[in-house]
Protein backbone atom coordinates (compact mmCIF):
# COMPACT_ATOMS: atom_id res chain seq x y z
CA MET A 1 -76.52 -205.02 -17.09
CA ALA A 2 -73.76 -202.81 -18.20
CA THR A 3 -74.16 -199.26 -18.25
CA ALA A 4 -72.96 -197.11 -21.23
CA LYS A 5 -70.12 -195.03 -20.94
CA SER A 6 -70.74 -191.25 -21.62
CA THR A 7 -69.17 -190.10 -24.60
CA LYS A 8 -69.40 -186.37 -23.44
CA SER A 9 -65.80 -185.24 -23.42
CA LYS A 10 -64.27 -183.18 -20.82
CA ALA A 11 -63.88 -179.45 -21.13
CA PRO A 12 -60.18 -178.57 -21.72
CA GLN A 13 -58.54 -177.61 -18.48
CA GLU A 14 -57.01 -174.11 -18.63
CA THR A 15 -53.16 -174.16 -18.61
CA GLY A 16 -51.34 -171.06 -16.95
CA PRO A 17 -47.78 -170.61 -16.50
CA ALA A 18 -45.60 -172.67 -14.49
CA PRO A 19 -45.75 -172.18 -10.88
CA PHE A 20 -43.13 -170.67 -8.87
CA ASN A 21 -41.80 -172.19 -5.66
CA ARG A 22 -41.95 -170.34 -2.36
CA ASP A 23 -38.59 -168.87 -2.73
CA GLU A 24 -39.12 -167.73 -6.45
CA GLU A 25 -42.55 -166.02 -5.24
CA LEU A 26 -40.81 -164.20 -2.39
CA ALA A 27 -37.85 -163.09 -4.56
CA ALA A 28 -40.29 -161.77 -7.09
CA TYR A 29 -42.40 -160.05 -4.46
CA ARG A 30 -39.69 -158.22 -2.88
CA MET A 31 -37.87 -156.99 -6.14
CA MET A 32 -41.17 -155.85 -7.43
CA LEU A 33 -42.23 -154.24 -4.25
CA LEU A 34 -38.65 -152.63 -4.08
CA ILE A 35 -39.30 -151.14 -7.43
CA ARG A 36 -42.82 -149.86 -6.58
CA ARG A 37 -41.84 -148.20 -3.19
CA PHE A 38 -38.65 -146.70 -4.62
CA GLU A 39 -40.98 -145.31 -7.68
CA GLU A 40 -43.43 -143.99 -5.13
CA LYS A 41 -40.85 -142.32 -3.34
CA ALA A 42 -38.99 -140.72 -6.59
CA GLY A 43 -42.63 -139.33 -7.38
CA GLN A 44 -43.13 -137.90 -4.03
CA MET A 45 -39.58 -136.38 -4.39
CA TYR A 46 -40.25 -135.12 -7.79
CA GLY A 47 -43.32 -133.29 -6.32
CA MET A 48 -41.24 -131.48 -3.85
CA GLY A 49 -38.81 -130.02 -6.15
CA LEU A 50 -35.78 -132.45 -5.45
CA ILE A 51 -35.70 -134.29 -8.44
CA GLY A 52 -35.65 -131.79 -11.74
CA GLY A 53 -35.87 -132.78 -15.54
CA PHE A 54 -38.18 -135.37 -16.56
CA CYS A 55 -38.88 -138.34 -14.42
CA HIS A 56 -41.00 -141.46 -15.99
CA LEU A 57 -42.21 -143.90 -13.33
CA TYR A 58 -42.41 -147.69 -13.84
CA ILE A 59 -45.22 -148.36 -11.39
CA GLY A 60 -47.51 -150.99 -12.58
CA GLN A 61 -44.97 -152.64 -15.11
CA GLU A 62 -42.60 -154.20 -12.44
CA ALA A 63 -43.47 -157.91 -13.44
CA VAL A 64 -41.62 -157.30 -16.92
CA VAL A 65 -38.18 -156.55 -15.79
CA VAL A 66 -38.27 -158.85 -12.84
CA GLY A 67 -39.68 -161.90 -14.65
CA MET A 68 -36.75 -161.28 -17.46
CA GLN A 69 -34.09 -161.00 -14.93
CA MET A 70 -35.21 -164.05 -13.54
CA ALA A 71 -34.70 -165.92 -16.74
CA MET A 72 -31.52 -164.30 -17.69
CA GLU A 73 -27.97 -165.77 -17.38
CA GLU A 74 -24.90 -163.84 -16.03
CA GLY A 75 -23.49 -161.77 -18.38
CA ASP A 76 -26.50 -161.28 -20.66
CA GLN A 77 -26.79 -157.38 -21.27
CA PHE A 78 -30.00 -155.16 -21.36
CA ILE A 79 -30.54 -151.79 -22.62
CA THR A 80 -33.97 -149.67 -22.35
CA GLY A 81 -35.40 -146.22 -22.74
CA TYR A 82 -35.85 -143.63 -20.31
CA ARG A 83 -38.38 -145.28 -18.00
CA ASP A 84 -35.36 -147.23 -16.57
CA HIS A 85 -35.37 -146.77 -12.56
CA GLY A 86 -37.09 -150.53 -12.48
CA HIS A 87 -34.45 -152.14 -14.80
CA MET A 88 -31.59 -150.68 -12.81
CA LEU A 89 -32.95 -152.04 -9.39
CA ALA A 90 -33.97 -155.51 -10.86
CA CYS A 91 -30.29 -156.14 -11.93
CA GLY A 92 -28.80 -155.31 -8.81
CA MET A 93 -27.69 -151.63 -8.99
CA SER A 94 -27.80 -149.77 -5.77
CA ALA A 95 -30.96 -147.92 -4.70
CA ASN A 96 -28.63 -145.16 -3.26
CA GLY A 97 -27.03 -144.86 -6.49
CA VAL A 98 -30.29 -144.65 -8.59
CA MET A 99 -31.99 -142.09 -6.46
CA ALA A 100 -28.62 -139.90 -5.96
CA GLU A 101 -28.60 -139.66 -9.88
CA LEU A 102 -32.37 -138.67 -9.91
CA THR A 103 -31.38 -135.62 -7.75
CA GLY A 104 -28.03 -134.81 -9.43
CA ARG A 105 -25.58 -135.85 -6.90
CA ARG A 106 -21.97 -137.07 -7.01
CA GLY A 107 -22.78 -140.58 -5.70
CA GLY A 108 -25.14 -141.07 -8.63
CA TYR A 109 -24.63 -143.64 -11.32
CA SER A 110 -23.69 -140.87 -13.95
CA LYS A 111 -22.14 -138.57 -11.15
CA GLY A 112 -25.06 -136.86 -11.02
CA LYS A 113 -24.83 -135.74 -14.63
CA GLY A 114 -27.38 -137.77 -16.36
CA GLY A 115 -30.50 -137.57 -14.24
CA SER A 116 -33.45 -139.98 -14.53
CA MET A 117 -32.92 -140.81 -18.23
CA HIS A 118 -29.48 -141.51 -18.50
CA MET A 119 -27.87 -144.12 -16.21
CA PHE A 120 -25.57 -147.05 -17.04
CA SER A 121 -23.56 -149.71 -15.37
CA VAL A 122 -20.86 -151.99 -17.10
CA GLU A 123 -20.47 -154.10 -13.90
CA LYS A 124 -24.33 -155.16 -13.94
CA GLN A 125 -24.50 -155.33 -17.91
CA PHE A 126 -27.03 -152.73 -17.94
CA PHE A 127 -26.10 -150.44 -21.21
CA GLY A 128 -28.23 -147.50 -20.15
CA GLY A 129 -31.58 -145.79 -20.16
CA HIS A 130 -31.85 -143.50 -23.33
CA GLY A 131 -33.77 -140.61 -24.24
CA ILE A 132 -34.14 -140.85 -27.82
CA VAL A 133 -37.27 -142.82 -28.69
CA GLY A 134 -35.98 -146.00 -29.98
CA ALA A 135 -32.39 -145.47 -29.98
CA GLN A 136 -31.88 -148.41 -27.58
CA VAL A 137 -33.22 -150.82 -30.11
CA SER A 138 -30.36 -150.28 -32.57
CA LEU A 139 -27.64 -150.18 -29.58
CA GLY A 140 -29.19 -153.41 -28.30
CA THR A 141 -28.67 -154.93 -31.82
CA GLY A 142 -25.15 -153.77 -31.85
CA LEU A 143 -24.47 -155.65 -28.47
CA GLY A 144 -26.04 -158.70 -29.98
CA PHE A 145 -23.69 -158.28 -33.09
CA ALA A 146 -20.83 -158.02 -30.64
CA ASN A 147 -21.98 -161.37 -28.75
CA ARG A 148 -22.08 -162.95 -32.09
CA TYR A 149 -18.51 -162.01 -33.21
CA LYS A 150 -17.07 -162.79 -29.85
CA LYS A 151 -18.98 -166.10 -29.71
CA ASN A 152 -19.57 -165.77 -25.82
CA GLY A 153 -23.24 -167.33 -25.79
CA LYS A 154 -24.49 -164.17 -24.23
CA VAL A 155 -27.93 -162.50 -25.18
CA SER A 156 -28.79 -158.87 -25.68
CA LEU A 157 -32.23 -157.84 -24.56
CA ALA A 158 -33.61 -154.48 -26.08
CA PHE A 159 -36.69 -153.24 -23.99
CA PHE A 160 -38.69 -150.48 -25.67
CA GLY A 161 -42.38 -149.32 -25.65
CA ASP A 162 -45.40 -149.44 -27.97
CA GLY A 163 -44.77 -145.89 -29.00
CA ALA A 164 -40.93 -146.58 -30.11
CA ALA A 165 -42.18 -149.72 -31.96
CA ASN A 166 -43.30 -147.55 -34.87
CA GLN A 167 -39.82 -145.87 -35.19
CA GLY A 168 -37.99 -146.61 -38.39
CA GLN A 169 -34.78 -147.79 -36.73
CA VAL A 170 -36.56 -150.62 -35.17
CA TYR A 171 -37.32 -152.12 -38.26
CA GLU A 172 -33.66 -151.69 -39.74
CA SER A 173 -32.30 -153.50 -36.55
CA PHE A 174 -35.05 -156.16 -37.20
CA ASN A 175 -33.61 -156.84 -40.42
CA MET A 176 -30.03 -156.70 -39.74
CA ALA A 177 -30.56 -158.93 -36.48
CA ALA A 178 -32.79 -161.76 -38.77
CA LEU A 179 -30.14 -161.39 -41.39
CA TRP A 180 -27.24 -162.29 -39.37
CA LYS A 181 -29.14 -164.48 -36.97
CA LEU A 182 -28.24 -162.13 -34.02
CA PRO A 183 -28.55 -163.09 -30.04
CA VAL A 184 -31.23 -160.51 -29.43
CA VAL A 185 -34.45 -160.59 -27.51
CA TYR A 186 -36.79 -157.55 -28.41
CA VAL A 187 -38.78 -156.69 -25.38
CA ILE A 188 -41.98 -154.58 -26.26
CA GLU A 189 -43.36 -152.97 -22.93
CA ASN A 190 -47.08 -152.49 -24.38
CA ASN A 191 -48.55 -150.47 -21.68
CA ARG A 192 -51.14 -149.20 -24.11
CA TYR A 193 -50.84 -145.39 -24.37
CA ALA A 194 -47.35 -144.73 -25.29
CA MET A 195 -46.56 -140.88 -24.68
CA GLY A 196 -50.38 -140.33 -24.23
CA THR A 197 -52.11 -141.86 -27.29
CA ALA A 198 -53.73 -145.30 -27.06
CA VAL A 199 -52.24 -147.76 -29.33
CA THR A 200 -55.48 -148.47 -31.22
CA ARG A 201 -55.45 -144.70 -32.35
CA ALA A 202 -51.68 -144.80 -33.22
CA SER A 203 -50.70 -148.30 -34.64
CA SER A 204 -52.51 -150.27 -37.63
CA GLN A 205 -51.16 -153.52 -36.35
CA THR A 206 -51.76 -153.79 -32.73
CA ASP A 207 -50.44 -157.19 -32.06
CA PHE A 208 -46.83 -156.15 -31.45
CA SER A 209 -45.57 -159.84 -31.75
CA LYS A 210 -46.34 -159.72 -35.15
CA ARG A 211 -43.86 -156.91 -35.81
CA GLY A 212 -41.10 -158.82 -36.99
CA ALA A 213 -43.15 -161.21 -39.41
CA SER A 214 -41.80 -159.70 -42.56
CA PHE A 215 -38.10 -160.37 -41.32
CA ASP A 216 -39.22 -163.95 -39.93
CA ILE A 217 -38.79 -163.00 -36.52
CA PRO A 218 -40.99 -165.28 -34.22
CA GLY A 219 -42.87 -163.38 -31.49
CA GLU A 220 -45.76 -163.98 -28.67
CA GLN A 221 -47.65 -161.84 -26.53
CA VAL A 222 -47.37 -162.33 -22.79
CA ASP A 223 -49.23 -161.41 -19.91
CA GLY A 224 -46.70 -158.54 -18.65
CA MET A 225 -48.75 -158.43 -15.20
CA ASP A 226 -47.91 -161.98 -14.27
CA VAL A 227 -44.21 -162.20 -13.36
CA ARG A 228 -44.68 -166.29 -13.81
CA ALA A 229 -45.67 -165.64 -17.47
CA VAL A 230 -42.90 -163.22 -18.16
CA ARG A 231 -40.26 -165.47 -16.63
CA GLU A 232 -41.52 -168.64 -18.78
CA ALA A 233 -41.79 -166.78 -22.00
CA SER A 234 -38.14 -165.00 -21.33
CA ALA A 235 -36.81 -168.42 -20.96
CA ARG A 236 -38.02 -169.72 -24.48
CA ALA A 237 -36.84 -166.34 -25.95
CA LEU A 238 -33.70 -166.16 -24.70
CA GLU A 239 -32.85 -170.10 -25.40
CA HIS A 240 -34.02 -169.37 -29.09
CA ALA A 241 -31.40 -166.38 -29.20
CA ARG A 242 -28.73 -168.06 -27.34
CA THR A 243 -28.89 -171.34 -29.52
CA GLY A 244 -28.12 -169.44 -32.77
CA GLN A 245 -31.61 -169.27 -34.07
CA GLY A 246 -31.62 -165.34 -34.12
CA PRO A 247 -33.60 -162.80 -32.74
CA TYR A 248 -37.24 -163.32 -30.86
CA ILE A 249 -39.88 -160.52 -29.97
CA LEU A 250 -41.69 -160.57 -26.66
CA GLU A 251 -44.70 -158.42 -26.50
CA MET A 252 -45.20 -157.73 -22.74
CA GLN A 253 -48.92 -156.83 -22.45
CA THR A 254 -48.72 -154.33 -19.27
CA TYR A 255 -49.82 -151.24 -18.08
CA ARG A 256 -48.65 -148.07 -16.35
CA TYR A 257 -50.79 -146.40 -13.48
CA ARG A 258 -49.07 -143.04 -13.55
CA GLY A 259 -48.79 -140.70 -16.76
CA HIS A 260 -46.09 -141.10 -19.02
CA SER A 261 -44.05 -138.54 -16.94
CA MET A 262 -44.59 -136.74 -13.87
CA SER A 263 -45.75 -133.88 -15.79
CA ASP A 264 -48.36 -135.85 -17.54
CA PRO A 265 -51.94 -135.49 -16.03
CA ALA A 266 -53.03 -138.63 -18.13
CA LYS A 267 -56.48 -137.25 -18.89
CA TYR A 268 -56.89 -139.50 -21.94
CA ARG A 269 -58.17 -142.47 -19.87
CA SER A 270 -60.31 -142.79 -16.96
CA LYS A 271 -59.72 -143.21 -13.40
CA GLU A 272 -62.12 -146.14 -13.35
CA GLU A 273 -60.05 -147.85 -16.12
CA VAL A 274 -56.74 -147.55 -14.04
CA GLN A 275 -58.43 -148.64 -10.76
CA LYS A 276 -59.68 -151.65 -12.44
CA MET A 277 -56.39 -152.86 -13.71
CA ARG A 278 -54.95 -152.12 -10.09
CA ASN A 279 -57.78 -154.17 -8.50
CA GLU A 280 -57.73 -157.11 -10.98
CA HIS A 281 -54.10 -157.36 -12.39
CA ASP A 282 -51.68 -155.85 -10.23
CA PRO A 283 -48.63 -158.09 -10.45
CA ILE A 284 -47.58 -157.44 -6.80
CA GLU A 285 -50.94 -158.19 -5.49
CA GLN A 286 -50.94 -161.38 -7.61
CA VAL A 287 -47.87 -162.66 -5.83
CA ARG A 288 -49.23 -161.44 -2.68
CA ASN A 289 -52.36 -163.32 -3.01
CA ARG A 290 -50.53 -166.63 -4.07
CA LEU A 291 -48.33 -166.66 -1.24
CA LEU A 292 -51.12 -166.07 1.45
CA ALA A 293 -53.27 -168.39 -0.44
CA GLY A 294 -51.00 -171.18 -0.49
CA GLY A 295 -50.09 -170.67 3.30
CA LEU A 296 -46.41 -170.31 2.18
CA VAL A 297 -46.08 -167.06 4.45
CA SER A 298 -48.02 -165.18 7.12
CA GLU A 299 -49.41 -161.74 6.61
CA ASP A 300 -46.64 -160.75 9.28
CA ASP A 301 -44.09 -161.94 7.07
CA LEU A 302 -45.06 -159.78 4.09
CA LYS A 303 -45.39 -156.74 6.41
CA LYS A 304 -41.74 -157.36 7.42
CA ILE A 305 -40.54 -157.34 3.83
CA ASP A 306 -42.49 -154.07 3.12
CA ALA A 307 -40.74 -152.72 6.17
CA GLU A 308 -37.23 -153.76 5.21
CA VAL A 309 -38.11 -152.41 1.70
CA ARG A 310 -39.03 -148.88 3.15
CA VAL A 311 -35.94 -148.55 5.11
CA ILE A 312 -33.99 -149.34 1.92
CA VAL A 313 -35.95 -146.69 -0.02
CA GLN A 314 -35.89 -144.08 2.76
CA GLU A 315 -32.26 -144.62 3.19
CA SER A 316 -31.93 -144.01 -0.57
CA ALA A 317 -33.85 -140.73 -0.40
CA GLU A 318 -31.82 -139.32 2.44
CA PHE A 319 -28.50 -140.32 0.80
CA ALA A 320 -29.74 -138.67 -2.62
CA GLN A 321 -30.64 -135.32 -0.44
CA ASN A 322 -27.45 -135.14 1.58
CA ASP A 323 -24.77 -136.44 -0.95
CA PRO A 324 -22.84 -133.23 -2.45
CA GLU A 325 -23.40 -132.23 -5.87
CA PRO A 326 -20.83 -132.52 -8.41
CA ASP A 327 -18.19 -130.11 -8.60
CA ALA A 328 -18.28 -127.74 -11.64
CA SER A 329 -15.11 -129.32 -13.13
CA GLU A 330 -17.07 -132.28 -13.94
CA LEU A 331 -18.80 -130.57 -16.66
CA TRP A 332 -15.57 -131.37 -18.45
CA THR A 333 -15.05 -134.94 -18.02
CA ASP A 334 -16.63 -138.16 -19.87
CA ILE A 335 -16.82 -135.95 -22.97
CA VAL A 336 -15.86 -137.94 -26.26
CA ARG A 337 -13.60 -135.43 -28.20
């Protein structure tokens, strides 16, 4: 006697981002760890009075820029605000040059005259960290216009935060980019607190991927703490922009562990909230756990990578303290007259 087949449907399986292979996991792990260790050292040096001015650390947000770099093609440009150290390291700029700029030395990327918030590298297609909130969005749109004019197949990526997303010039840029179908990807790094105010208190629309809706700019929310999700979404966005379909918005849902800047005690959130994010969503620990769980590396292998990264960071700190300060005559150079 035949048995009746069950009509009960299987529960749909959850689908996540496409997995990385061993080399991709290791590359992401190494770069994110370099950014983390560099920023930790920068915070330490700031506390010692070796770094002056403002200093905005990228600790916790490493997966965003690393994942995007993994999806970019050679010649693509990118531009960001003043939380820029991680972006520079991710594109291959020297740790020595970045740290020396933080301490105001000749070997810095802006000859010691720009500090933490103002660095630039034509060679690496990094068009700067910018201190004016939202300014990089207009400039990044301009880069996209140049690409379209030159028909060079390159895409401009403009990074900005949830706070900057409320700036008027952002929407003027959106309108222009959509009207002329410019090859621009707008990356909103939503770390939830802008300069110190929760997005729920400062933004009427907290789904930042929809900010381009009135201009018909597509967007999506991305787990900015998972480097695989970032790479996957970035590839889609870059393909959209590169193939003449116009701009695209990526809302990277991320989290900064430190205050807005080194002078911010971040009393607007609890220590428990920060610790919960570290324990459950840390971008580096996620990769580390996958590498170990999959038997791709040993604990000793990861310790070796950490040791190598620490050497790079320590050497950058020593260089940044021993390199000469710029000559007074540099005050009159690099000025547009």
